[in-house]
Amino acid sequence: MTNSIGEIADADFILTAGTNTFDAHPIIGIKIKQAVAKGATLAVIDPRLTDSAKLAQYHLQLKPGTDIALFNGLANVIIEEGLYNKEFVEARTEDFDAFKQTVAKYTPDYVSEITGVPAETIREVARGYAKAKNSTILYTMGITQHICGTHNVFSTTNLSMLCGHIGKESSGVNPLRGQNNVQGACDMGALPVVFPGYQPIGVEANREKFAKAWNVESVPDKPGLTVGEMVEAAGKSIKAMYILGENPVLSDPDANQVIHELESLDFLVVQDIFLTETAQLADVVLPAASFAEKDGTFSNTERRVQKVRKAIEPIGNSKPDWEIICLISTAMGYPMSYDSPANIMNEIGKLTPAYGGITHERLDVCSLQWPCPAPDHPGTKFLHATTFSRGKGKFQPVEHIPPDELPDAEYPMVLSTGRRRYHYHTGTMTQRTGALEVFYPNEYLEINCADAEKLGVCDGDKVRVISRRGQVELAAQLSERVTPGLVFTSFQYPDVPINKVTNAARDPISKIPEYKVCAVKVEKVS
């Protein structure tokens, strides 16, 4: 996030895209409600009538996979009506002319044809966003989980720079991370193209720095593979795999193929706190300690580093992840002599400029937001106040790209997947929590009443969802939350492994699969 969570409550205009915030990020949802109560305008871009959309003054209920066209349409109105921040654009950005030329054809009427959003709604939202003193954009995986997900994100930054709504309090572009330490994992280099702190592996000075710190002759100078690419290579160029805290059998698309590829490995190690569906395929399972059994830190979606304190000793033979990794590394010939999470954090601070001033001693007093480059630095509430990391912000002209798989005669409906309020990711922990099961015991398929009538389906009937890759069965819930032709369910229930159905087509840049659009047919189970 370029802003802090608390700043959302003081925004004058909030534009959310591809995020069911009240369900998936309820704390941030509270801040949105506070802002609306103080008079802020809320505009929600979402194919579904979510709880967020019900609160919004504007619900831009677009066709799945048409976000780029919609954002280009908003920019078109702002430019044509002279509402953009000319001073900001001239002083702090580049390539505006190319962007202006690209969005010129995305008139509200043209965009309405692509997206299904009324042209006048596009005009009103564009004016509201541009004219507000403080406008913020919030987005999640409804934006990123497309074959054009990276370009979708470019669209959000294009709009914010166009209006100068970035680099100040309560104005910015704010991706809401899906789990409590996704931000921290990325910060620490759990990406194939960077070292910790987003330091590119292609820069020789970075490689030399980390090789020296880790006491090795050299470190790789070529990018590694993403999760999807690793699974695809399993049993081929990759013969063994070590999976930590991940459950790809349930979370990855085209799950039948994922299972086949994991079973093709010569050796599979899974390190987790429970015997997950993925762990059941492993040759060796390493018992990891839960969050309550270890010390360390989590870095959340607003870049806030918070200390985690052990409440109980690890149960049974389980150990904290860092201890297990150290033991295995040492046994394989590379001694790791860390003696505590505090010791590891000290190394992080030395090698990662944004974490340079963060220590466990400081975190005992309060949490800190990076960048925090020095021991006396207070942390950073919002980013890009005076400059961007590359100097000037770069407009990225992007065109509408249709989804990889569109409905046809054989598979006439679109399936989109997401999260439910009461469960977390693949349910490894929450499905074992009885209190949550009371609230949400079973998964169901949201289907529009008109579609259900055509199929002879009543509320609660069992239906079969079929794609080119697989099928699952679950109960139907008749709902006006989805438009005709669209069905929705979550990926969080092991007994409804919906990712057997989803499409593994990936964004060519981020390599994120297109979970949000998949052609299916639905039939009643007799």
Protein backbone atom coordinates (compact mmCIF):
# COMPACT_ATOMS: atom_id res chain seq x y z
CA MET A 1 0.00 0.00 0.00
CA THR A 2 1.25 3.49 -0.75
CA ASN A 3 -0.90 4.72 2.15
CA SER A 4 -1.64 3.51 5.68
CA ILE A 5 -4.84 1.72 6.58
CA GLY A 6 -5.92 4.49 8.94
CA GLU A 7 -5.74 7.08 6.15
CA ILE A 8 -8.61 5.40 4.29
CA ALA A 9 -11.07 6.81 6.82
CA ASP A 10 -10.10 10.35 5.77
CA ALA A 11 -10.38 9.85 2.01
CA ASP A 12 -12.99 11.89 0.15
CA PHE A 13 -13.38 9.42 -2.72
CA ILE A 14 -12.71 5.68 -2.51
CA LEU A 15 -12.51 3.59 -5.67
CA THR A 16 -12.30 -0.16 -5.04
CA ALA A 17 -11.60 -2.63 -7.83
CA GLY A 18 -11.80 -6.40 -7.65
CA THR A 19 -12.03 -6.48 -3.88
CA ASN A 20 -14.85 -7.77 -1.71
CA THR A 21 -13.36 -5.75 1.11
CA PHE A 22 -15.98 -6.32 3.77
CA ASP A 23 -15.51 -10.08 3.51
CA ALA A 24 -11.83 -10.47 2.61
CA HIS A 25 -10.37 -7.48 4.52
CA PRO A 26 -12.93 -6.60 7.22
CA ILE A 27 -10.63 -4.25 9.17
CA ILE A 28 -10.10 -2.17 6.04
CA GLY A 29 -13.82 -2.48 5.39
CA ILE A 30 -14.42 -0.73 8.70
CA LYS A 31 -12.23 2.18 7.56
CA ILE A 32 -14.26 2.43 4.35
CA LYS A 33 -17.48 2.56 6.36
CA GLN A 34 -16.00 5.28 8.56
CA ALA A 35 -15.08 7.33 5.49
CA VAL A 36 -18.56 6.93 3.99
CA ALA A 37 -20.11 7.94 7.32
CA LYS A 38 -18.04 11.15 7.13
CA GLY A 39 -19.30 11.89 3.63
CA ALA A 40 -16.84 10.12 1.33
CA THR A 41 -18.04 8.79 -2.02
CA LEU A 42 -17.56 5.05 -2.52
CA ALA A 43 -17.37 3.59 -6.04
CA VAL A 44 -17.03 -0.18 -6.37
CA ILE A 45 -15.82 -1.95 -9.51
CA ASP A 46 -16.92 -5.58 -9.24
CA PRO A 47 -18.89 -8.08 -11.36
CA ARG A 48 -20.73 -9.17 -8.19
CA LEU A 49 -23.14 -7.27 -5.97
CA THR A 50 -20.96 -7.60 -2.89
CA ASP A 51 -21.66 -6.06 0.50
CA SER A 52 -19.20 -3.32 -0.46
CA ALA A 53 -21.18 -2.63 -3.63
CA LYS A 54 -24.42 -2.41 -1.64
CA LEU A 55 -22.93 0.41 0.45
CA ALA A 56 -21.48 2.24 -2.56
CA GLN A 57 -22.95 5.28 -4.26
CA TYR A 58 -21.69 3.80 -7.53
CA HIS A 59 -21.50 0.12 -8.41
CA LEU A 60 -19.68 -0.36 -11.70
CA GLN A 61 -20.83 -3.93 -12.34
CA LEU A 62 -18.57 -4.74 -15.25
CA LYS A 63 -18.21 -7.92 -17.27
CA PRO A 64 -15.37 -10.04 -15.84
CA GLY A 65 -12.02 -9.26 -17.42
CA THR A 66 -12.83 -5.77 -18.74
CA ASP A 67 -11.08 -3.67 -16.07
CA ILE A 68 -8.52 -2.10 -18.43
CA ALA A 69 -11.22 -0.75 -20.71
CA LEU A 70 -13.05 0.72 -17.72
CA PHE A 71 -9.98 2.44 -16.26
CA ASN A 72 -9.07 3.77 -19.71
CA GLY A 73 -12.62 5.09 -19.98
CA LEU A 74 -12.31 6.92 -16.67
CA ALA A 75 -9.02 8.44 -17.84
CA ASN A 76 -10.59 9.43 -21.16
CA VAL A 77 -13.28 11.48 -19.41
CA ILE A 78 -10.77 13.13 -17.08
CA ILE A 79 -8.49 14.16 -19.96
CA GLU A 80 -11.27 15.24 -22.32
CA GLU A 81 -12.88 17.40 -19.63
CA GLY A 82 -9.56 18.90 -18.52
CA LEU A 83 -9.84 17.50 -15.01
CA TYR A 84 -6.37 15.98 -14.76
CA ASN A 85 -3.62 17.46 -12.59
CA LYS A 86 -1.46 19.16 -15.22
CA GLU A 87 1.12 20.37 -12.71
CA PHE A 88 1.66 16.89 -11.26
CA VAL A 89 1.75 15.26 -14.70
CA GLU A 90 4.35 17.71 -16.00
CA ALA A 91 6.55 17.72 -12.91
CA ARG A 92 6.47 14.11 -11.78
CA THR A 93 5.58 11.84 -14.70
CA GLU A 94 6.64 10.86 -18.21
CA ASP A 95 5.04 9.33 -21.31
CA PHE A 96 1.75 11.16 -20.76
CA ASP A 97 1.30 11.87 -24.47
CA ALA A 98 1.48 8.18 -25.37
CA PHE A 99 -1.03 7.39 -22.63
CA LYS A 100 -3.35 10.17 -23.78
CA GLN A 101 -3.23 8.85 -27.33
CA THR A 102 -4.07 5.31 -26.19
CA VAL A 103 -7.10 6.23 -24.07
CA ALA A 104 -8.51 8.61 -26.71
CA LYS A 105 -10.61 5.87 -28.29
CA TYR A 106 -11.96 4.64 -24.92
CA THR A 107 -14.94 6.98 -24.88
CA PRO A 108 -17.65 6.25 -22.30
CA ASP A 109 -19.96 4.88 -24.97
CA TYR A 110 -17.28 2.58 -26.39
CA VAL A 111 -16.28 1.41 -22.91
CA SER A 112 -19.91 0.78 -22.02
CA GLU A 113 -20.16 -1.63 -24.95
CA ILE A 114 -17.12 -3.57 -23.69
CA THR A 115 -17.86 -3.53 -19.96
CA GLY A 116 -21.62 -3.25 -19.64
CA VAL A 117 -21.23 -0.25 -17.29
CA PRO A 118 -23.52 2.68 -18.26
CA ALA A 119 -21.66 5.51 -19.97
CA GLU A 120 -23.08 8.14 -17.62
CA THR A 121 -21.88 6.18 -14.58
CA ILE A 122 -18.39 6.16 -16.06
CA ARG A 123 -18.53 9.94 -16.50
CA GLU A 124 -19.79 10.59 -12.97
CA VAL A 125 -17.21 8.35 -11.31
CA ALA A 126 -14.39 9.88 -13.35
CA ARG A 127 -15.43 13.39 -12.34
CA GLY A 128 -15.82 12.45 -8.70
CA TYR A 129 -12.42 10.75 -8.51
CA ALA A 130 -10.62 13.61 -10.27
CA LYS A 131 -12.24 16.46 -8.37
CA ALA A 132 -11.96 15.05 -4.84
CA LYS A 133 -9.24 16.44 -2.60
CA ASN A 134 -8.14 12.98 -1.47
CA SER A 135 -8.93 9.98 -3.66
CA THR A 136 -7.67 6.48 -3.02
CA ILE A 137 -7.77 3.27 -5.04
CA LEU A 138 -8.00 -0.10 -3.30
CA TYR A 139 -7.64 -3.35 -5.21
CA THR A 140 -6.99 -7.05 -4.65
CA MET A 141 -6.89 -10.26 -6.63
CA GLY A 142 -9.99 -9.40 -8.63
CA ILE A 143 -7.57 -7.14 -10.51
CA THR A 144 -4.42 -9.27 -10.50
CA GLN A 145 -5.74 -12.77 -11.23
CA HIS A 146 -6.17 -12.27 -14.96
CA ILE A 147 -3.93 -12.90 -17.96
CA CYS A 148 -3.69 -9.10 -18.10
CA GLY A 149 -3.33 -8.64 -14.33
CA THR A 150 -0.12 -6.61 -14.57
CA HIS A 151 -1.74 -4.29 -17.10
CA ASN A 152 -4.77 -3.99 -14.80
CA VAL A 153 -2.44 -2.73 -12.07
CA PHE A 154 -0.82 -0.31 -14.53
CA SER A 155 -4.33 1.05 -15.14
CA THR A 156 -4.76 1.91 -11.46
CA THR A 157 -1.43 3.71 -11.29
CA ASN A 158 -2.12 5.55 -14.55
CA LEU A 159 -5.34 6.93 -13.08
CA SER A 160 -3.76 7.97 -9.80
CA MET A 161 -0.86 9.79 -11.49
CA LEU A 162 -3.21 11.44 -13.96
CA CYS A 163 -5.01 13.17 -11.10
CA GLY A 164 -2.05 13.58 -8.75
CA HIS A 165 -3.78 11.32 -6.25
CA ILE A 166 -0.62 9.68 -4.99
CA GLY A 167 2.24 10.69 -2.73
CA LYS A 168 0.08 12.27 -0.07
CA GLU A 169 -2.02 11.26 2.90
CA SER A 170 -5.29 9.45 2.06
CA SER A 171 -4.46 9.49 -1.67
CA GLY A 172 -2.76 6.60 -3.39
CA VAL A 173 -2.87 3.12 -4.88
CA ASN A 174 -3.37 0.42 -2.32
CA PRO A 175 -3.16 -3.31 -3.06
CA LEU A 176 -4.65 -5.25 -0.15
CA ARG A 177 -2.56 -8.34 0.44
CA GLY A 178 -4.35 -11.67 0.78
CA GLN A 179 -2.67 -13.02 3.91
CA ASN A 180 -1.02 -11.60 7.00
CA ASN A 181 2.58 -11.89 5.77
CA VAL A 182 2.33 -11.91 1.98
CA GLN A 183 3.92 -8.46 2.06
CA GLY A 184 6.69 -9.69 4.33
CA ALA A 185 7.41 -12.73 2.18
CA CYS A 186 7.78 -10.53 -0.90
CA ASP A 187 9.89 -8.06 1.08
CA MET A 188 12.27 -10.90 1.94
CA GLY A 189 12.83 -11.96 -1.66
CA ALA A 190 10.22 -14.72 -2.07
CA LEU A 191 10.01 -13.68 -5.72
CA PRO A 192 12.09 -15.09 -8.58
CA VAL A 193 13.64 -11.83 -9.81
CA VAL A 194 14.76 -10.01 -6.65
CA PHE A 195 16.80 -10.36 -3.50
CA PRO A 196 15.35 -9.16 -0.16
CA GLY A 197 14.19 -5.57 -0.34
CA TYR A 198 13.27 -5.83 -4.05
CA GLN A 199 16.92 -5.54 -5.06
CA PRO A 200 17.13 -6.94 -8.62
CA ILE A 201 19.27 -10.04 -9.13
CA GLY A 202 20.29 -8.64 -12.52
CA VAL A 203 22.38 -5.92 -10.84
CA GLU A 204 25.95 -7.14 -10.30
CA ALA A 205 26.48 -5.00 -7.20
CA ASN A 206 23.48 -6.65 -5.55
CA ARG A 207 24.80 -10.12 -6.33
CA GLU A 208 28.21 -9.25 -4.94
CA LYS A 209 26.68 -7.83 -1.76
CA PHE A 210 24.60 -10.90 -1.01
CA ALA A 211 27.32 -13.37 -1.99
CA LYS A 212 29.70 -11.69 0.45
CA ALA A 213 27.10 -11.56 3.23
CA TRP A 214 26.21 -15.23 2.77
CA ASN A 215 29.85 -16.30 2.40
CA VAL A 216 29.52 -17.91 -1.03
CA GLU A 217 31.48 -17.37 -4.23
CA SER A 218 28.44 -16.28 -6.22
CA VAL A 219 24.66 -16.20 -6.30
CA PRO A 220 22.43 -16.87 -9.35
CA ASP A 221 22.33 -14.14 -11.97
CA LYS A 222 19.24 -15.46 -13.75
CA PRO A 223 15.62 -15.28 -12.57
CA GLY A 224 14.10 -18.31 -10.93
CA LEU A 225 10.61 -19.71 -11.45
CA THR A 226 7.27 -18.65 -10.05
CA VAL A 227 5.05 -21.11 -8.17
CA GLY A 228 3.05 -22.00 -11.26
CA GLU A 229 6.17 -22.47 -13.35
CA MET A 230 7.73 -24.70 -10.69
CA VAL A 231 4.68 -26.94 -10.50
CA GLU A 232 4.55 -27.12 -14.30
CA ALA A 233 8.21 -28.21 -14.37
CA ALA A 234 7.74 -30.82 -11.63
CA GLY A 235 8.85 -34.25 -12.78
CA LYS A 236 10.61 -32.70 -15.78
CA SER A 237 13.39 -30.17 -15.19
CA ILE A 238 12.55 -30.15 -11.48
CA LYS A 239 13.02 -33.51 -9.75
CA ALA A 240 12.51 -32.53 -6.12
CA MET A 241 10.47 -29.87 -4.38
CA TYR A 242 10.38 -28.40 -0.87
CA ILE A 243 7.02 -26.73 -0.13
CA LEU A 244 6.67 -24.56 2.99
CA GLY A 245 3.26 -23.41 4.23
CA GLU A 246 1.63 -23.72 0.82
CA ASN A 247 -1.21 -25.99 -0.30
CA PRO A 248 -1.11 -25.99 -4.12
CA VAL A 249 -3.34 -29.06 -4.41
CA LEU A 250 -6.21 -26.79 -3.35
CA SER A 251 -4.91 -23.32 -4.20
CA ASP A 252 -3.46 -23.75 -7.70
CA PRO A 253 -5.57 -23.84 -10.87
CA ASP A 254 -6.20 -27.02 -12.88
CA ALA A 255 -5.73 -29.04 -9.69
CA ASN A 256 -5.90 -32.44 -11.37
CA GLN A 257 -2.83 -31.51 -13.38
CA VAL A 258 -1.13 -30.10 -10.25
CA ILE A 259 -1.61 -33.41 -8.44
CA HIS A 260 -0.23 -35.31 -11.43
CA GLU A 261 2.84 -33.09 -11.59
CA LEU A 262 3.58 -33.31 -7.85
CA GLU A 263 3.23 -37.09 -8.01
CA SER A 264 5.78 -37.07 -10.87
CA LEU A 265 8.52 -35.71 -8.62
CA ASP A 266 11.31 -37.99 -7.43
CA PHE A 267 11.12 -36.44 -3.98
CA LEU A 268 8.64 -34.09 -2.30
CA VAL A 269 9.06 -32.44 1.10
CA VAL A 270 6.23 -30.47 2.70
CA GLN A 271 6.68 -28.33 5.79
CA ASP A 272 3.40 -27.29 7.42
CA ILE A 273 1.50 -27.14 10.67
CA PHE A 274 -1.15 -29.66 9.55
CA LEU A 275 -1.26 -32.62 7.18
CA THR A 276 -2.70 -30.67 4.26
CA GLU A 277 -3.92 -32.11 0.97
CA THR A 278 -0.48 -31.34 -0.45
CA ALA A 279 1.35 -32.86 2.52
CA GLN A 280 -0.52 -36.11 1.93
CA LEU A 281 1.43 -36.46 -1.33
CA ALA A 282 4.82 -35.87 0.31
CA ASP A 283 7.67 -38.32 0.84
CA VAL A 284 8.65 -36.39 3.97
CA VAL A 285 6.51 -34.08 6.11
CA LEU A 286 8.30 -31.65 8.43
CA PRO A 287 6.12 -30.44 11.33
CA ALA A 288 6.28 -26.65 11.57
CA ALA A 289 5.27 -24.54 14.55
CA SER A 290 2.22 -22.31 14.35
CA PHE A 291 2.26 -18.54 14.83
CA ALA A 292 1.51 -19.04 18.53
CA GLU A 293 4.58 -21.24 19.00
CA LYS A 294 7.31 -18.97 17.64
CA ASP A 295 8.85 -15.52 17.77
CA GLY A 296 9.39 -13.37 14.71
CA THR A 297 7.71 -10.66 12.68
CA PHE A 298 4.88 -10.22 10.21
CA SER A 299 4.84 -7.38 7.67
CA ASN A 300 1.27 -6.52 6.78
CA THR A 301 -0.41 -4.90 3.81
CA GLU A 302 0.43 -1.33 4.89
CA ARG A 303 4.16 -2.19 5.13
CA ARG A 304 3.88 -2.37 8.91
CA VAL A 305 6.38 -4.69 10.58
CA GLN A 306 4.98 -6.15 13.79
CA LYS A 307 6.58 -8.46 16.30
CA VAL A 308 5.05 -11.89 16.91
CA ARG A 309 5.65 -13.28 20.39
CA LYS A 310 5.60 -16.95 21.27
CA ALA A 311 2.69 -17.86 23.55
CA ILE A 312 3.48 -21.56 24.07
CA GLU A 313 6.33 -23.93 23.34
CA PRO A 314 6.12 -25.85 20.05
CA ILE A 315 3.93 -28.93 20.40
CA GLY A 316 5.35 -32.39 19.78
CA ASN A 317 8.25 -32.50 17.33
CA SER A 318 7.35 -29.23 15.61
CA LYS A 319 9.86 -26.42 15.26
CA PRO A 320 9.75 -22.85 13.92
CA ASP A 321 10.32 -22.69 10.16
CA TRP A 322 13.62 -20.86 10.48
CA GLU A 323 15.04 -23.56 12.78
CA ILE A 324 14.04 -26.34 10.38
CA ILE A 325 15.64 -24.51 7.45
CA CYS A 326 18.85 -23.96 9.43
CA LEU A 327 19.05 -27.65 10.38
CA ILE A 328 18.51 -28.84 6.81
CA SER A 329 20.95 -26.32 5.36
CA THR A 330 23.63 -27.30 7.85
CA ALA A 331 23.06 -31.01 7.16
CA MET A 332 23.47 -30.32 3.43
CA GLY A 333 26.84 -28.66 3.93
CA TYR A 334 26.01 -24.96 4.26
CA PRO A 335 26.06 -24.12 7.98
CA MET A 336 23.43 -21.65 9.14
CA SER A 337 24.30 -20.43 12.62
CA TYR A 338 21.42 -18.08 13.40
CA ASP A 339 20.49 -18.37 17.05
CA SER A 340 17.26 -16.36 17.13
CA PRO A 341 14.77 -14.41 14.99
CA ALA A 342 16.34 -11.23 16.38
CA ASN A 343 19.68 -12.32 14.91
CA ILE A 344 18.03 -12.86 11.52
CA MET A 345 16.33 -9.45 11.69
CA ASN A 346 19.70 -7.81 12.31
CA GLU A 347 21.00 -9.37 9.08
CA ILE A 348 17.88 -8.20 7.25
CA GLY A 349 18.54 -4.66 8.43
CA LYS A 350 22.14 -4.75 7.17
CA LEU A 351 21.22 -6.04 3.70
CA THR A 352 17.81 -4.46 3.09
CA PRO A 353 17.81 -0.64 3.09
CA ALA A 354 14.05 -0.30 3.67
CA TYR A 355 14.43 -2.37 6.87
CA GLY A 356 17.70 -0.75 7.92
CA GLY A 357 16.32 0.82 11.09
CA ILE A 358 14.07 -2.05 12.19
CA THR A 359 15.21 -4.25 15.07
CA HIS A 360 13.43 -6.48 17.56
CA GLU A 361 14.37 -4.00 20.27
CA ARG A 362 12.47 -1.21 18.48
CA LEU A 363 9.57 -3.52 17.69
CA ASP A 364 9.22 -4.28 21.40
CA VAL A 365 8.13 -0.65 21.75
CA CYS A 366 6.00 -0.20 18.63
CA SER A 367 5.45 -1.45 15.11
CA LEU A 368 7.23 0.30 12.23
CA GLN A 369 6.37 0.93 8.59
CA TRP A 370 9.05 0.62 5.97
CA PRO A 371 10.92 2.40 4.51
CA CYS A 372 12.64 2.78 7.86
CA PRO A 373 16.27 3.17 6.79
CA ALA A 374 17.95 4.19 10.07
CA PRO A 375 17.71 3.45 13.81
CA ASP A 376 16.29 6.91 14.50
CA HIS A 377 13.83 6.88 11.57
CA PRO A 378 10.14 6.84 12.64
CA GLY A 379 8.93 4.80 9.65
CA THR A 380 6.94 5.99 6.64
CA LYS A 381 3.16 6.49 6.64
CA PHE A 382 2.77 7.00 2.91
CA LEU A 383 5.04 6.58 -0.10
CA HIS A 384 6.19 8.75 -3.02
CA ALA A 385 5.79 12.13 -1.30
CA THR A 386 8.49 13.79 -3.40
CA THR A 387 9.64 11.21 -5.94
CA PHE A 388 9.01 7.69 -7.21
CA SER A 389 11.53 4.87 -6.84
CA ARG A 390 12.53 5.28 -10.52
CA GLY A 391 12.47 9.09 -10.34
CA LYS A 392 9.48 10.10 -12.45
CA GLY A 393 6.32 8.05 -12.59
CA LYS A 394 5.88 6.33 -15.95
CA PHE A 395 2.50 6.18 -17.64
CA GLN A 396 1.90 2.72 -19.09
CA PRO A 397 -0.43 2.81 -22.11
CA VAL A 398 -2.39 -0.46 -22.04
CA GLU A 399 -5.15 -1.87 -24.22
CA HIS A 400 -8.13 -4.05 -23.34
CA ILE A 401 -7.23 -7.75 -23.53
CA PRO A 402 -10.08 -10.31 -23.47
CA PRO A 403 -9.85 -13.23 -21.02
CA ASP A 404 -8.08 -16.38 -22.15
CA GLU A 405 -11.29 -18.41 -22.06
CA LEU A 406 -14.65 -16.96 -23.07
CA PRO A 407 -18.06 -18.66 -22.91
CA ASP A 408 -19.17 -20.64 -25.94
CA ALA A 409 -21.93 -23.06 -26.89
CA GLU A 410 -20.39 -25.94 -24.95
CA TYR A 411 -19.36 -23.94 -21.88
CA PRO A 412 -21.80 -21.01 -21.83
CA MET A 413 -21.15 -19.52 -18.37
CA VAL A 414 -18.30 -17.73 -16.60
CA LEU A 415 -16.97 -18.99 -13.27
CA SER A 416 -15.19 -16.57 -10.94
CA THR A 417 -13.65 -17.61 -7.63
CA GLY A 418 -12.77 -15.75 -4.45
CA ARG A 419 -12.98 -15.80 -0.67
CA ARG A 420 -15.61 -16.07 2.05
CA ARG A 421 -15.66 -13.99 5.20
CA TYR A 422 -15.25 -16.82 7.68
CA HIS A 423 -12.44 -18.81 6.11
CA TYR A 424 -8.80 -18.19 5.34
CA HIS A 425 -7.09 -19.28 2.15
CA THR A 426 -7.47 -23.08 1.72
CA GLY A 427 -8.97 -23.52 5.18
CA THR A 428 -5.97 -25.36 6.63
CA MET A 429 -6.54 -23.58 9.95
CA THR A 430 -10.07 -22.18 9.78
CA GLN A 431 -11.69 -25.45 8.68
CA ARG A 432 -10.42 -26.85 11.99
CA THR A 433 -12.07 -24.05 13.97
CA GLY A 434 -15.51 -25.15 15.14
CA ALA A 435 -16.81 -21.65 15.84
CA LEU A 436 -16.24 -20.60 12.22
CA GLU A 437 -17.86 -23.76 10.90
CA VAL A 438 -21.04 -22.76 12.73
CA PHE A 439 -21.20 -19.55 10.70
CA TYR A 440 -20.27 -21.06 7.35
CA PRO A 441 -20.37 -24.87 7.34
CA ASN A 442 -20.67 -25.54 3.61
CA GLU A 443 -19.66 -24.04 0.29
CA TYR A 444 -22.19 -23.25 -2.42
CA LEU A 445 -22.37 -21.91 -5.95
CA GLU A 446 -23.89 -18.47 -6.38
CA ILE A 447 -26.08 -18.60 -9.51
CA ASN A 448 -28.46 -15.98 -10.86
CA CYS A 449 -32.15 -16.78 -10.49
CA ALA A 450 -32.76 -16.51 -14.25
CA ASP A 451 -30.00 -19.03 -14.99
CA ALA A 452 -31.27 -21.35 -12.27
CA GLU A 453 -34.77 -21.28 -13.72
CA LYS A 454 -33.46 -22.25 -17.17
CA LEU A 455 -31.57 -25.17 -15.64
CA GLY A 456 -34.45 -26.28 -13.43
CA VAL A 457 -32.35 -25.65 -10.33
CA CYS A 458 -33.87 -24.68 -6.98
CA ASP A 459 -32.09 -23.20 -3.99
CA GLY A 460 -30.05 -25.91 -2.27
CA ASP A 461 -30.07 -28.34 -5.20
CA LYS A 462 -26.79 -30.07 -5.96
CA VAL A 463 -25.23 -28.93 -9.22
CA ARG A 464 -22.20 -29.96 -11.21
CA VAL A 465 -19.74 -27.33 -12.48
CA ILE A 466 -17.81 -28.58 -15.50
CA SER A 467 -14.92 -27.05 -17.45
CA ARG A 468 -12.44 -28.34 -20.00
CA ARG A 469 -10.20 -29.46 -17.11
CA GLY A 470 -12.44 -31.03 -14.51
CA GLN A 471 -15.65 -30.91 -12.53
CA VAL A 472 -16.95 -30.52 -8.99
CA GLU A 473 -20.32 -30.86 -7.30
CA LEU A 474 -21.80 -28.51 -4.72
CA ALA A 475 -25.07 -26.94 -3.62
CA ALA A 476 -26.59 -24.05 -5.55
CA GLN A 477 -27.60 -20.78 -3.94
CA LEU A 478 -29.92 -18.63 -6.04
CA SER A 479 -28.62 -15.09 -5.82
CA GLU A 480 -28.88 -11.66 -7.39
CA ARG A 481 -25.28 -11.03 -6.32
CA VAL A 482 -24.22 -12.43 -9.70
CA THR A 483 -25.50 -11.38 -13.10
CA PRO A 484 -26.96 -13.86 -15.61
CA GLY A 485 -24.18 -15.93 -17.13
CA LEU A 486 -21.86 -15.58 -14.11
CA VAL A 487 -21.42 -18.06 -11.24
CA PHE A 488 -19.20 -17.67 -8.18
CA THR A 489 -17.76 -19.83 -5.43
CA SER A 490 -14.71 -19.90 -3.16
CA PHE A 491 -11.61 -22.12 -3.24
CA GLN A 492 -11.56 -22.57 0.54
CA TYR A 493 -13.34 -25.90 1.00
CA PRO A 494 -11.45 -29.20 0.59
CA ASP A 495 -14.68 -31.04 -0.19
CA VAL A 496 -15.35 -28.60 -3.06
CA PRO A 497 -11.96 -28.39 -4.81
CA ILE A 498 -13.08 -25.79 -7.33
CA ASN A 499 -9.56 -25.39 -8.69
CA LYS A 500 -10.04 -28.68 -10.51
CA VAL A 501 -12.14 -26.51 -12.82
CA THR A 502 -10.18 -23.24 -13.08
CA ASN A 503 -7.84 -22.20 -15.88
CA ALA A 504 -4.06 -22.21 -15.49
CA ALA A 505 -3.52 -19.56 -18.20
CA ARG A 506 -1.09 -17.00 -16.77
CA ASP A 507 -0.24 -13.34 -17.04
CA PRO A 508 2.96 -13.30 -19.15
CA ILE A 509 4.64 -10.83 -16.80
CA SER A 510 3.57 -11.74 -13.25
CA LYS A 511 2.79 -15.40 -14.09
CA ILE A 512 -0.38 -15.17 -11.97
CA PRO A 513 -3.15 -17.53 -13.17
CA GLU A 514 -6.52 -16.31 -14.40
CA TYR A 515 -8.66 -17.49 -11.49
CA LYS A 516 -11.31 -14.84 -12.11
CA VAL A 517 -12.57 -15.94 -15.55
CA CYS A 518 -13.16 -19.51 -16.64
CA ALA A 519 -15.72 -20.93 -19.09
CA VAL A 520 -17.98 -23.59 -17.53
CA LYS A 521 -21.30 -25.31 -17.87
CA VAL A 522 -23.58 -25.95 -14.91
CA GLU A 523 -26.00 -28.85 -14.72
CA LYS A 524 -28.35 -30.15 -12.08
CA VAL A 525 -27.31 -33.40 -10.42
CA SER A 526 -30.27 -35.76 -10.60
